[in-house]
């Protein structure tokens, strides 16, 4: 039993009542209608071009499918019906029509969405999306603006935008909607929406959801901004977490990388930083940082505030930093603290680690001291222009020096500050105390550097006159004491010019960090005293013990040597030692 009146169709079927608006016909053809009709024309023609086997496959697949008539009655589909239904959405989503029926697996119905309309926005927001949503398309259909009282065309909603990739977050459908239906207003504030998922690979369609959207000029539409930061050790972002902002407002995002990292992009591909977001939709963003190691170059000034060093900062591994030391008024650059002989205010540093340098400045003086000498007597001499002697010179005064070898067997190597110019001009703008380094061309000596408890450098063959540098590094548990050839030489690194009288063997004397006690007591206690005991003797130290017996007593033996009764002991320290000196009383007749 059924009937129609004023655009509404109703029926009763097995006790169930079905009501549906029929919509109103129109002669106006929209662009959307043209697209739909062109797709159906294409599919109708392509169906005719299928082979008999392909048509049979579609007819067979249709037996397991059912459709719905206008009033909700189930009906069996034909193969052509199934072909058109599935391939319509395949082609509508940009694919090619399927010649054979696909395997249908079913699609989850979309979650309930929220929608709101203002003068600048038609906000549509899904509450959630199913797993693998990027393989689906969201189709949104809508009616034109409706009055609050009379409802027309609820079931007539049509598509007004291209199928969308489902995503959690608001999208703005205003431009597409207004382009087809015009803007809602106070008189017609209501819009009915139908939406569902389709599978663009198979044409399969999910169940539908129906919601309403209302136009309002008073309630602001809020858009969500969700900013994540997966690893704060790489960097930070000024807005973090979930926030809501009124439609049209502007939010500035700024990502700041930590040391050894750099900002690459935002998760949506944008590389702007800082970035201004106009809140006309929901945003879900994360800053993407990448490892980009930098080393820090620190340059200090000594004395403080007497100049500056340009070139400090962060550098990538292997990058060359160029430093320039600039003095303040009344001061001048003298040298770099780690390279006392480097008087060049400009310096290049290859950055393979953090580096800290200090530029040393000195007050400008009216005169400076210039001294020069040869490294080995008899290997050569220094001739000055106009036979000028060493001494004090006025600022800016120049002296030309020439290093002259003593004969054909000798040669000039360099000046002690590394300069190899010969002749060389000294300008009295700082103090100089330089040595002309000569060496014998053929005569050499073998230098041996050794130690028992550690490592040494400098062993090798050197020409006479050559600068020799030797050094020692103590082993773990030991410390350096001195060099064996000079009790007063306590420097770990030694430099000297080799001559014919230089010794050839050098030993670095090390001492254990461990200490030992050497103790001795008399037994009985009143029988005497022991002097020379120590509580912190080093390994291989020599300790002298002396025993003074009390009157009427004599030494019988030592606890570590039953055959020794002397009153003096020289002990080499290798371990803790506790000794006892045994004494006995002297018989009266022995006195």
Protein backbone atom coordinates (compact mmCIF):
# COMPACT_ATOMS: atom_id res chain seq x y z
CA UNK A 1 0.00 0.00 0.00
CA UNK A 2 1.51 3.36 -1.02
CA UNK A 3 0.69 6.89 -2.10
CA UNK A 4 2.17 10.32 -2.89
CA UNK A 5 1.19 13.87 -2.07
CA UNK A 6 3.07 17.16 -2.37
CA UNK A 7 6.42 15.56 -3.13
CA UNK A 8 6.31 12.94 -0.36
CA UNK A 9 6.03 9.21 -1.07
CA UNK A 10 4.77 6.85 1.66
CA UNK A 11 4.08 3.13 1.79
CA UNK A 12 3.32 0.29 4.16
CA UNK A 13 5.06 -3.00 3.60
CA UNK A 14 4.70 -5.93 6.04
CA UNK A 15 3.86 -3.60 8.90
CA UNK A 16 6.75 -1.16 8.25
CA UNK A 17 6.11 2.41 7.19
CA UNK A 18 8.46 4.09 4.70
CA UNK A 19 8.44 7.86 4.05
CA UNK A 20 10.77 9.68 1.65
CA UNK A 21 10.74 13.03 -0.07
CA UNK A 22 10.75 12.68 -3.80
CA UNK A 23 12.46 15.97 -4.47
CA UNK A 24 11.43 18.49 -7.07
CA UNK A 25 12.38 18.29 -10.68
CA UNK A 26 14.22 21.11 -12.36
CA UNK A 27 15.22 21.87 -15.91
CA UNK A 28 18.47 23.50 -14.82
CA UNK A 29 21.46 21.29 -15.51
CA UNK A 30 24.36 21.78 -13.10
CA UNK A 31 28.01 20.96 -13.76
CA UNK A 32 27.74 18.09 -11.29
CA UNK A 33 24.82 16.62 -13.20
CA UNK A 34 26.83 16.84 -16.41
CA UNK A 35 29.70 14.93 -14.85
CA UNK A 36 27.40 12.20 -13.57
CA UNK A 37 25.63 11.80 -16.92
CA UNK A 38 28.93 11.67 -18.80
CA UNK A 39 30.16 8.89 -16.50
CA UNK A 40 26.99 6.85 -17.03
CA UNK A 41 27.22 7.32 -20.80
CA UNK A 42 30.83 6.10 -20.67
CA UNK A 43 29.92 3.07 -18.56
CA UNK A 44 26.89 2.19 -20.67
CA UNK A 45 29.09 2.09 -23.74
CA UNK A 46 31.90 0.18 -22.01
CA UNK A 47 29.36 -2.45 -20.81
CA UNK A 48 28.42 -3.10 -24.42
CA UNK A 49 32.07 -3.62 -25.26
CA UNK A 50 32.61 -6.35 -22.66
CA UNK A 51 33.12 -9.94 -23.82
CA UNK A 52 30.52 -12.63 -23.15
CA UNK A 53 32.77 -14.15 -20.47
CA UNK A 54 33.11 -10.78 -18.70
CA UNK A 55 29.34 -10.14 -18.78
CA UNK A 56 28.76 -13.63 -17.43
CA UNK A 57 31.17 -12.88 -14.55
CA UNK A 58 29.24 -9.71 -13.67
CA UNK A 59 25.89 -11.55 -13.82
CA UNK A 60 27.24 -14.26 -11.55
CA UNK A 61 28.60 -11.69 -9.04
CA UNK A 62 25.26 -9.84 -9.03
CA UNK A 63 23.43 -12.90 -7.66
CA UNK A 64 25.01 -12.29 -4.24
CA UNK A 65 24.18 -8.59 -4.23
CA UNK A 66 20.91 -6.77 -3.59
CA UNK A 67 19.67 -3.25 -4.07
CA UNK A 68 16.82 -1.14 -2.67
CA UNK A 69 13.91 0.31 -4.52
CA UNK A 70 12.55 3.76 -3.72
CA UNK A 71 10.35 2.47 -0.89
CA UNK A 72 12.99 0.28 0.73
CA UNK A 73 11.99 -3.07 -0.81
CA UNK A 74 14.89 -5.37 -1.53
CA UNK A 75 15.50 -6.33 -5.15
CA UNK A 76 17.94 -8.56 -7.02
CA UNK A 77 20.58 -6.68 -9.04
CA UNK A 78 21.48 -7.54 -12.58
CA UNK A 79 25.07 -7.77 -13.79
CA UNK A 80 24.74 -4.42 -15.59
CA UNK A 81 23.34 -2.79 -12.42
CA UNK A 82 26.32 -4.01 -10.39
CA UNK A 83 28.72 -2.94 -13.15
CA UNK A 84 27.28 0.59 -13.18
CA UNK A 85 27.08 0.96 -9.38
CA UNK A 86 30.66 -0.07 -8.68
CA UNK A 87 32.33 1.47 -11.70
CA UNK A 88 30.57 4.78 -11.20
CA UNK A 89 32.62 5.43 -8.02
CA UNK A 90 35.78 3.96 -9.52
CA UNK A 91 35.57 6.42 -12.43
CA UNK A 92 34.27 9.28 -10.25
CA UNK A 93 37.40 8.94 -8.08
CA UNK A 94 39.66 9.11 -11.12
CA UNK A 95 40.15 5.42 -11.95
CA UNK A 96 39.50 3.24 -15.02
CA UNK A 97 36.35 1.12 -15.27
CA UNK A 98 36.76 -2.48 -14.10
CA UNK A 99 36.15 -5.15 -16.74
CA UNK A 100 35.77 -7.93 -14.16
CA UNK A 101 33.94 -7.78 -10.82
CA UNK A 102 36.19 -7.09 -7.81
CA UNK A 103 36.21 -8.91 -4.48
CA UNK A 104 34.01 -6.95 -2.09
CA UNK A 105 35.06 -6.86 1.56
CA UNK A 106 32.78 -4.21 3.04
CA UNK A 107 33.57 -0.70 4.33
CA UNK A 108 32.99 0.63 7.82
CA UNK A 109 30.37 3.36 8.03
CA UNK A 110 31.84 6.84 8.72
CA UNK A 111 31.87 8.21 12.24
CA UNK A 112 29.46 10.96 13.22
CA UNK A 113 30.73 14.33 12.02
CA UNK A 114 30.22 17.88 13.27
CA UNK A 115 29.32 20.73 10.94
CA UNK A 116 28.79 24.48 11.34
CA UNK A 117 28.41 27.41 8.95
CA UNK A 118 29.42 31.06 9.23
CA UNK A 119 30.02 33.85 6.72
CA UNK A 120 33.59 32.64 6.20
CA UNK A 121 33.45 28.92 6.84
CA UNK A 122 31.54 25.69 6.25
CA UNK A 123 33.29 23.53 8.85
CA UNK A 124 33.00 19.74 8.44
CA UNK A 125 34.87 17.61 10.99
CA UNK A 126 34.99 13.79 11.27
CA UNK A 127 35.28 12.45 14.79
CA UNK A 128 37.51 9.56 13.69
CA UNK A 129 38.55 7.62 10.61
CA UNK A 130 39.02 3.86 10.17
CA UNK A 131 42.39 2.17 9.80
CA UNK A 132 43.65 2.45 6.22
CA UNK A 133 41.53 5.56 5.60
CA UNK A 134 44.07 6.87 3.09
CA UNK A 135 42.85 4.09 0.75
CA UNK A 136 39.25 5.35 0.90
CA UNK A 137 37.44 8.45 -0.34
CA UNK A 138 34.86 10.49 1.56
CA UNK A 139 31.85 11.58 -0.47
CA UNK A 140 29.85 14.49 0.99
CA UNK A 141 26.40 15.36 -0.38
CA UNK A 142 24.22 18.28 0.70
CA UNK A 143 20.93 19.99 0.12
CA UNK A 144 20.56 23.64 -0.67
CA UNK A 145 19.89 26.08 2.22
CA UNK A 146 16.63 25.20 4.00
CA UNK A 147 14.24 27.25 6.10
CA UNK A 148 13.73 26.29 9.70
CA UNK A 149 10.04 25.59 9.21
CA UNK A 150 9.46 23.78 5.93
CA UNK A 151 11.86 20.97 4.97
CA UNK A 152 12.29 20.38 1.26
CA UNK A 153 14.50 17.93 -0.56
CA UNK A 154 16.04 16.15 2.42
CA UNK A 155 16.70 13.03 0.37
CA UNK A 156 17.72 14.99 -2.70
CA UNK A 157 21.16 16.03 -1.50
CA UNK A 158 23.81 15.96 -4.21
CA UNK A 159 27.59 16.11 -4.34
CA UNK A 160 29.13 19.53 -4.46
CA UNK A 161 32.84 18.79 -4.05
CA UNK A 162 35.33 16.21 -5.24
CA UNK A 163 35.72 13.01 -3.15
CA UNK A 164 38.04 13.69 -0.20
CA UNK A 165 40.72 11.63 1.53
CA UNK A 166 39.30 10.92 5.01
CA UNK A 167 41.19 12.58 7.85
CA UNK A 168 40.53 13.55 11.44
CA UNK A 169 40.26 17.31 11.47
CA UNK A 170 38.07 20.07 10.13
CA UNK A 171 37.98 21.02 6.49
CA UNK A 172 36.35 24.12 5.02
CA UNK A 173 33.74 23.27 2.38
CA UNK A 174 32.42 26.82 2.00
CA UNK A 175 33.82 27.65 -1.42
CA UNK A 176 32.61 24.42 -3.01
CA UNK A 177 29.19 24.58 -1.33
CA UNK A 178 28.51 28.25 -2.07
CA UNK A 179 29.62 27.72 -5.68
CA UNK A 180 26.81 25.23 -6.20
CA UNK A 181 24.02 26.19 -3.77
CA UNK A 182 24.78 29.75 -2.71
CA UNK A 183 25.30 30.89 0.87
CA UNK A 184 22.92 29.98 3.73
CA UNK A 185 21.53 32.98 5.58
CA UNK A 186 19.32 33.88 8.50
CA UNK A 187 16.18 33.07 6.49
CA UNK A 188 17.54 29.74 5.26
CA UNK A 189 20.05 28.64 7.87
CA UNK A 190 19.76 24.83 7.66
CA UNK A 191 21.68 22.39 5.43
CA UNK A 192 21.23 18.61 5.41
CA UNK A 193 24.38 16.57 4.76
CA UNK A 194 24.79 12.95 3.74
CA UNK A 195 28.21 11.39 3.62
CA UNK A 196 29.75 7.96 3.13
CA UNK A 197 32.98 6.20 2.16
CA UNK A 198 33.78 4.61 -1.18
CA UNK A 199 36.67 2.39 -2.15
CA UNK A 200 38.20 3.93 -5.32
CA UNK A 201 39.75 0.57 -6.25
CA UNK A 202 36.54 -1.48 -6.15
CA UNK A 203 33.71 1.10 -6.20
CA UNK A 204 32.36 -0.35 -2.96
CA UNK A 205 30.22 2.04 -0.89
CA UNK A 206 29.71 2.19 2.88
CA UNK A 207 26.55 2.99 4.80
CA UNK A 208 25.55 6.67 5.03
CA UNK A 209 25.43 9.20 7.85
CA UNK A 210 22.95 12.10 7.96
CA UNK A 211 23.64 15.32 9.89
CA UNK A 212 22.52 18.94 9.86
CA UNK A 213 24.56 22.13 9.70
CA UNK A 214 23.28 25.55 10.77
CA UNK A 215 24.33 29.02 9.73
CA UNK A 216 25.10 31.39 12.62
CA UNK A 217 26.47 34.92 12.86
CA UNK A 218 26.91 34.87 16.65
CA UNK A 219 28.59 31.60 17.60
CA UNK A 220 32.23 31.52 16.42
CA UNK A 221 33.48 28.37 14.76
CA UNK A 222 36.46 26.93 16.58
CA UNK A 223 39.23 25.13 14.72
CA UNK A 224 41.67 22.77 16.40
CA UNK A 225 45.44 23.04 16.38
CA UNK A 226 47.22 19.91 17.56
CA UNK A 227 51.01 20.33 17.69
CA UNK A 228 53.24 17.40 18.62
CA UNK A 229 56.95 17.18 19.26
CA UNK A 230 58.22 13.58 19.10
CA UNK A 231 61.68 14.18 20.60
CA UNK A 232 62.22 17.37 22.65
CA UNK A 233 65.98 16.66 22.79
CA UNK A 234 66.11 17.58 19.10
CA UNK A 235 64.16 20.82 19.43
CA UNK A 236 61.11 22.58 20.79
CA UNK A 237 58.02 24.36 19.45
CA UNK A 238 56.37 27.44 20.97
CA UNK A 239 52.84 25.95 20.90
CA UNK A 240 52.51 22.36 22.07
CA UNK A 241 49.52 20.08 22.56
CA UNK A 242 45.82 20.51 21.67
CA UNK A 243 44.35 24.01 21.34
CA UNK A 244 41.26 25.63 19.78
CA UNK A 245 41.14 29.01 18.04
CA UNK A 246 38.27 31.05 16.55
CA UNK A 247 37.83 30.92 12.80
CA UNK A 248 40.04 33.45 10.98
CA UNK A 249 42.49 33.96 13.84
CA UNK A 250 46.23 33.75 13.16
CA UNK A 251 48.59 31.50 15.12
CA UNK A 252 52.38 31.74 14.78
CA UNK A 253 54.34 28.50 15.12
CA UNK A 254 58.08 28.60 15.71
CA UNK A 255 60.32 25.50 15.87
CA UNK A 256 63.70 25.89 17.60
CA UNK A 257 66.35 23.19 17.11
CA UNK A 258 68.79 22.23 19.87
CA UNK A 259 72.55 22.06 19.36
CA UNK A 260 73.61 19.59 16.63
CA UNK A 261 70.10 19.48 15.16
CA UNK A 262 68.37 21.63 12.55
CA UNK A 263 64.74 22.23 11.60
CA UNK A 264 63.88 20.49 8.30
CA UNK A 265 60.13 20.97 7.75
CA UNK A 266 56.67 20.59 9.26
CA UNK A 267 54.89 17.24 9.00
CA UNK A 268 52.63 18.58 6.21
CA UNK A 269 55.66 19.48 4.08
CA UNK A 270 55.84 23.23 4.74
CA UNK A 271 59.36 24.58 5.37
CA UNK A 272 58.29 27.99 6.68
CA UNK A 273 59.70 28.74 10.13
CA UNK A 274 58.26 30.72 11.82
CA UNK A 275 54.94 29.90 10.21
CA UNK A 276 51.66 31.85 10.41
CA UNK A 277 48.52 29.68 10.35
CA UNK A 278 45.14 31.19 9.44
CA UNK A 279 42.64 29.08 11.35
CA UNK A 280 40.15 28.19 8.62
CA UNK A 281 40.48 24.43 9.23
CA UNK A 282 41.94 21.98 11.74
CA UNK A 283 45.71 21.44 11.77
CA UNK A 284 47.68 18.45 13.06
CA UNK A 285 51.38 19.29 12.83
CA UNK A 286 54.78 18.22 14.10
CA UNK A 287 58.16 19.86 13.57
CA UNK A 288 60.68 17.59 11.87
CA UNK A 289 64.27 17.97 13.11
CA UNK A 290 67.31 16.21 11.64
CA UNK A 291 70.75 15.53 13.05
CA UNK A 292 73.16 18.20 11.90
CA UNK A 293 76.15 18.18 14.23
CA UNK A 294 77.89 21.46 14.95
CA UNK A 295 80.99 22.25 16.96
CA UNK A 296 81.34 25.42 19.01
CA UNK A 297 84.27 27.76 18.47
CA UNK A 298 84.90 29.94 21.52
CA UNK A 299 87.42 32.78 21.32
CA UNK A 300 88.46 34.65 24.46
CA UNK A 301 90.49 37.82 24.94
CA UNK A 302 93.38 38.37 27.36
CA UNK A 303 93.36 40.88 29.01
CA UNK A 304 89.57 41.01 29.03
CA UNK A 305 87.94 43.81 26.98
CA UNK A 306 91.25 44.77 25.29
CA UNK A 307 90.02 43.58 21.92
CA UNK A 308 87.66 41.19 20.20
CA UNK A 309 87.84 38.08 18.02
CA UNK A 310 85.56 37.76 15.00
CA UNK A 311 84.61 34.33 13.69
CA UNK A 312 83.26 32.67 16.82
CA UNK A 313 80.17 30.50 16.55
CA UNK A 314 78.91 27.07 15.48
CA UNK A 315 80.47 25.11 12.62
CA UNK A 316 79.79 21.77 10.94
CA UNK A 317 82.42 18.99 11.20
CA UNK A 318 85.32 19.63 8.84
CA UNK A 319 84.30 23.23 8.21
CA UNK A 320 87.07 25.85 8.35
CA UNK A 321 86.57 28.79 10.71
CA UNK A 322 88.42 32.04 9.99
CA UNK A 323 89.32 34.09 13.07
CA UNK A 324 90.44 37.69 13.14
CA UNK A 325 91.73 39.27 16.38
CA UNK A 326 91.03 43.03 16.51
CA UNK A 327 92.61 45.10 19.35
CA UNK A 328 90.99 48.03 21.11
CA UNK A 329 92.53 51.51 21.00
CA UNK A 330 95.91 51.58 22.73
CA UNK A 331 96.38 47.81 22.40
CA UNK A 332 97.75 45.47 19.76
CA UNK A 333 97.55 41.76 19.07
CA UNK A 334 100.60 39.84 20.28
CA UNK A 335 99.98 36.07 19.96
CA UNK A 336 97.57 33.20 20.38
CA UNK A 337 97.78 31.67 23.84
CA UNK A 338 98.04 28.07 22.55
CA UNK A 339 100.65 29.09 19.92
CA UNK A 340 103.01 31.60 21.56
CA UNK A 341 105.04 31.94 18.35
CA UNK A 342 102.00 32.71 16.18
CA UNK A 343 101.79 36.50 15.95
CA UNK A 344 99.35 36.59 13.03
CA UNK A 345 95.99 38.07 14.14
CA UNK A 346 94.22 36.01 11.44
CA UNK A 347 93.91 32.27 11.90
CA UNK A 348 92.08 29.36 10.26
CA UNK A 349 90.78 26.45 12.36
CA UNK A 350 89.40 23.17 10.97
CA UNK A 351 86.44 22.29 13.20
CA UNK A 352 86.42 18.60 14.17
CA UNK A 353 85.61 19.21 17.85
CA UNK A 354 84.67 22.05 20.19
CA UNK A 355 87.54 24.56 20.21
CA UNK A 356 88.41 27.30 22.70
CA UNK A 357 91.14 29.82 21.85
CA UNK A 358 92.48 32.95 23.49
CA UNK A 359 93.91 36.00 21.73
CA UNK A 360 96.55 37.83 23.78
CA UNK A 361 96.78 41.61 23.42
CA UNK A 362 99.50 43.90 24.79
CA UNK A 363 99.60 47.63 25.35
CA UNK A 364 101.17 49.64 22.56
CA UNK A 365 104.68 50.77 23.57
CA UNK A 366 107.09 53.35 22.21
CA UNK A 367 110.00 50.88 22.05
CA UNK A 368 110.61 47.13 21.88
CA UNK A 369 113.48 44.73 22.60
CA UNK A 370 114.90 42.77 19.66
CA UNK A 371 117.29 39.87 20.33
CA UNK A 372 118.69 37.23 17.98
CA UNK A 373 121.19 34.38 18.24
CA UNK A 374 122.30 31.12 16.59
CA UNK A 375 121.15 27.79 17.94
CA UNK A 376 124.60 26.11 18.12
CA UNK A 377 127.87 27.96 18.44
CA UNK A 378 130.05 27.42 15.36
CA UNK A 379 127.23 26.26 13.06
CA UNK A 380 126.51 29.74 11.71
CA UNK A 381 126.00 33.35 12.65
CA UNK A 382 123.57 36.23 12.12
CA UNK A 383 124.59 39.31 10.20
CA UNK A 384 122.55 42.48 10.64
CA UNK A 385 122.34 45.27 8.12
CA UNK A 386 124.70 48.13 9.09
CA UNK A 387 126.08 45.87 11.87
CA UNK A 388 123.22 46.73 14.23
CA UNK A 389 123.43 44.98 17.59
CA UNK A 390 120.63 43.48 19.61
CA UNK A 391 118.88 45.86 21.98
CA UNK A 392 116.00 48.32 22.30
CA UNK A 393 114.50 49.89 19.18
CA UNK A 394 111.94 52.62 18.63
CA UNK A 395 108.50 51.50 17.60
CA UNK A 396 108.33 50.86 13.84
CA UNK A 397 112.13 50.72 13.42
CA UNK A 398 113.33 47.93 11.11
CA UNK A 399 116.30 45.57 11.25
CA UNK A 400 117.35 43.26 8.39
CA UNK A 401 118.89 39.97 9.54
CA UNK A 402 120.70 37.35 7.44
CA UNK A 403 121.46 33.86 8.73
CA UNK A 404 124.86 32.73 7.36
CA UNK A 405 125.93 29.03 7.72
CA UNK A 406 129.48 28.41 8.95
CA UNK A 407 130.50 26.49 5.84
CA UNK A 408 129.44 24.06 3.14
CA UNK A 409 128.65 21.35 5.70
CA UNK A 410 126.02 23.51 7.39
CA UNK A 411 122.68 24.89 6.30
CA UNK A 412 120.11 27.34 7.59
CA UNK A 413 116.79 25.64 8.39
CA UNK A 414 114.46 28.32 9.79
CA UNK A 415 113.98 30.87 12.54
CA UNK A 416 112.69 29.60 15.88
CA UNK A 417 109.25 31.21 15.31
CA UNK A 418 108.77 29.15 12.14
CA UNK A 419 109.64 31.89 9.66
CA UNK A 420 111.92 30.65 6.84
CA UNK A 421 112.66 34.00 5.15
CA UNK A 422 116.39 34.72 4.81
CA UNK A 423 117.22 37.59 4.89
CA UNK A 424 114.45 38.60 7.24
CA UNK A 425 113.18 42.01 8.31
CA UNK A 426 112.21 42.54 11.93
CA UNK A 427 109.84 45.43 12.63
CA UNK A 428 109.89 46.79 16.17
CA UNK A 429 106.18 46.48 16.83
CA UNK A 430 106.68 43.83 19.53
CA UNK A 431 109.48 42.14 21.44
CA UNK A 432 111.54 39.52 19.59
CA UNK A 433 113.86 36.86 20.97
CA UNK A 434 114.51 34.58 18.03
CA UNK A 435 117.04 31.93 17.16
CA UNK A 436 118.47 31.12 13.76
CA UNK A 437 118.40 27.34 13.45
CA UNK A 438 121.38 25.83 11.63
CA UNK A 439 122.16 22.13 11.24
CA UNK A 440 124.96 19.92 9.98
CA UNK A 441 124.01 18.46 6.62
CA UNK A 442 125.35 14.95 7.24
CA UNK A 443 126.41 14.41 10.85
CA UNK A 444 123.68 12.85 12.99
CA UNK A 445 123.14 11.45 16.49
CA UNK A 446 120.79 8.81 17.82
CA UNK A 447 118.60 9.98 20.72
CA UNK A 448 116.98 7.39 22.99
CA UNK A 449 114.15 8.32 25.36
CA UNK A 450 112.82 5.72 27.81
CA UNK A 451 110.99 5.14 31.07
CA UNK A 452 110.03 2.11 33.13
CA UNK A 453 106.51 3.19 34.04
CA UNK A 454 104.92 4.98 31.10
CA UNK A 455 105.50 6.02 27.50
CA UNK A 456 107.90 8.44 25.84
CA UNK A 457 108.30 10.22 22.51
CA UNK A 458 111.29 11.79 20.79
CA UNK A 459 113.57 8.80 20.17
CA UNK A 460 115.16 8.93 16.72
CA UNK A 461 118.01 10.13 14.54
CA UNK A 462 118.66 13.87 14.38
CA UNK A 463 121.08 16.11 12.54
CA UNK A 464 123.43 18.15 14.69
CA UNK A 465 121.78 21.50 15.29
CA UNK A 466 118.26 20.12 14.88
CA UNK A 467 115.59 20.94 17.45
CA UNK A 468 114.80 17.87 19.55
CA UNK A 469 111.55 17.50 21.46
CA UNK A 470 111.14 14.70 23.97
CA UNK A 471 108.18 13.99 26.24
CA UNK A 472 106.97 11.45 28.79
CA UNK A 473 103.52 10.20 29.79
CA UNK A 474 103.23 8.33 33.13
CA UNK A 475 101.48 4.97 33.26
CA UNK A 476 98.29 4.68 35.27
CA UNK A 477 99.12 4.76 38.98
CA UNK A 478 102.40 6.68 38.50
CA UNK A 479 103.45 10.31 38.19
CA UNK A 480 106.44 12.02 36.59
CA UNK A 481 109.23 13.18 38.92
CA UNK A 482 112.13 14.42 36.77
CA UNK A 483 114.59 13.56 34.00
CA UNK A 484 117.57 11.49 35.07
CA UNK A 485 120.20 13.85 33.59
CA UNK A 486 118.99 16.92 35.48
CA UNK A 487 117.48 16.79 39.00
CA UNK A 488 115.97 20.23 38.43
CA UNK A 489 114.24 19.39 35.13
CA UNK A 490 110.60 18.65 35.99
CA UNK A 491 108.94 19.43 32.63
CA UNK A 492 107.17 16.60 30.88
CA UNK A 493 108.16 18.11 27.53
CA UNK A 494 111.75 19.20 26.81
CA UNK A 495 113.17 21.01 23.79
CA UNK A 496 116.84 21.50 23.00
CA UNK A 497 119.18 21.90 20.04
CA UNK A 498 121.42 18.89 19.40
CA UNK A 499 125.16 19.54 19.47
CA UNK A 500 128.21 17.29 19.72
CA UNK A 501 128.13 17.34 23.52
CA UNK A 502 124.47 16.55 24.00
CA UNK A 503 123.90 13.26 25.81
CA UNK A 504 122.15 10.53 23.86
CA UNK A 505 120.07 8.70 26.50
CA UNK A 506 117.24 10.26 28.53
CA UNK A 507 115.19 8.49 31.15
CA UNK A 508 111.98 9.86 32.60
CA UNK A 509 111.85 9.04 36.31
CA UNK A 510 108.36 8.02 37.40
CA UNK A 511 107.07 7.47 40.88
CA UNK A 512 104.14 5.35 42.01
CA UNK A 513 101.09 7.15 43.28
CA UNK A 514 100.78 4.43 45.92
CA UNK A 515 102.46 4.91 49.31
CA UNK A 516 103.66 2.41 51.89
CA UNK A 517 104.49 2.59 55.59
CA UNK A 518 107.78 1.45 57.10
CA UNK A 519 107.43 0.93 60.85
CA UNK A 520 109.76 -0.50 63.50
CA UNK A 521 109.38 -0.87 67.27
CA UNK A 522 111.58 -2.15 70.07
CA UNK A 523 110.69 -5.21 72.09
CA UNK A 524 110.44 -4.66 74.96
CA UNK A 525 109.27 -1.11 74.36
CA UNK A 526 111.42 0.43 77.14
CA UNK A 527 114.55 -1.21 75.74
CA UNK A 528 115.19 1.47 73.07
CA UNK A 529 113.87 3.72 70.29
CA UNK A 530 113.79 3.53 66.48
CA UNK A 531 114.05 6.63 64.27
CA UNK A 532 113.48 6.97 60.51
CA UNK A 533 110.05 5.31 60.26
CA UNK A 534 107.75 6.71 57.55
CA UNK A 535 104.01 6.43 56.94
CA UNK A 536 103.89 7.42 53.23
CA UNK A 537 106.98 6.24 51.39
CA UNK A 538 106.80 5.82 47.59
CA UNK A 539 107.67 2.70 45.68
CA UNK A 540 111.48 2.16 45.46
CA UNK A 541 112.19 4.95 47.96
CA UNK A 542 115.11 4.32 50.33
CA UNK A 543 114.37 4.53 54.05
CA UNK A 544 117.03 4.58 56.80
CA UNK A 545 116.18 3.16 60.21
CA UNK A 546 118.37 3.71 63.28
CA UNK A 547 118.00 1.96 66.64
CA UNK A 548 119.18 3.55 69.90
CA UNK A 549 119.17 1.00 72.74
CA UNK A 550 118.37 2.25 76.25
CA UNK A 551 121.22 2.03 78.82
CA UNK A 552 121.72 -1.57 79.92
CA UNK A 553 120.18 -3.03 76.76
CA UNK A 554 121.59 -4.45 73.52
CA UNK A 555 120.14 -5.55 70.14
CA UNK A 556 119.69 -9.27 69.71
CA UNK A 557 118.01 -9.55 66.28
CA UNK A 558 115.49 -8.09 63.80
CA UNK A 559 112.18 -9.81 63.15
CA UNK A 560 112.88 -10.18 59.42
CA UNK A 561 116.50 -11.31 59.88
CA UNK A 562 117.41 -13.48 62.90
CA UNK A 563 121.11 -13.18 62.14
CA UNK A 564 121.32 -9.38 62.06
CA UNK A 565 121.86 -7.39 65.27
CA UNK A 566 122.99 -4.04 63.84
CA UNK A 567 121.51 -0.69 64.81
CA UNK A 568 121.19 0.73 61.24
CA UNK A 569 119.08 -0.47 58.27
CA UNK A 570 118.80 0.80 54.67
CA UNK A 571 115.45 -0.38 53.28
CA UNK A 572 114.20 -0.12 49.69
CA UNK A 573 110.42 0.34 49.72
CA UNK A 574 108.33 -2.20 47.80
CA UNK A 575 105.52 -2.90 50.27
CA UNK A 576 104.25 -2.09 53.74
CA UNK A 577 106.77 -3.25 56.32
CA UNK A 578 106.32 -3.76 60.07
CA UNK A 579 109.52 -4.67 61.92
CA UNK A 580 110.41 -5.55 65.49
CA UNK A 581 113.86 -5.05 67.02
CA UNK A 582 114.43 -7.52 69.86
CA UNK A 583 116.70 -6.37 72.69
CA UNK A 584 117.96 -7.98 75.89
CA UNK A 585 119.39 -6.67 79.12
CA UNK A 586 123.13 -6.70 79.57
CA UNK A 587 124.33 -8.82 82.50
CA UNK A 588 126.11 -6.75 85.21
CA UNK A 589 129.36 -8.64 84.85
CA UNK A 590 129.31 -7.86 81.12
CA UNK A 591 129.45 -4.17 81.89
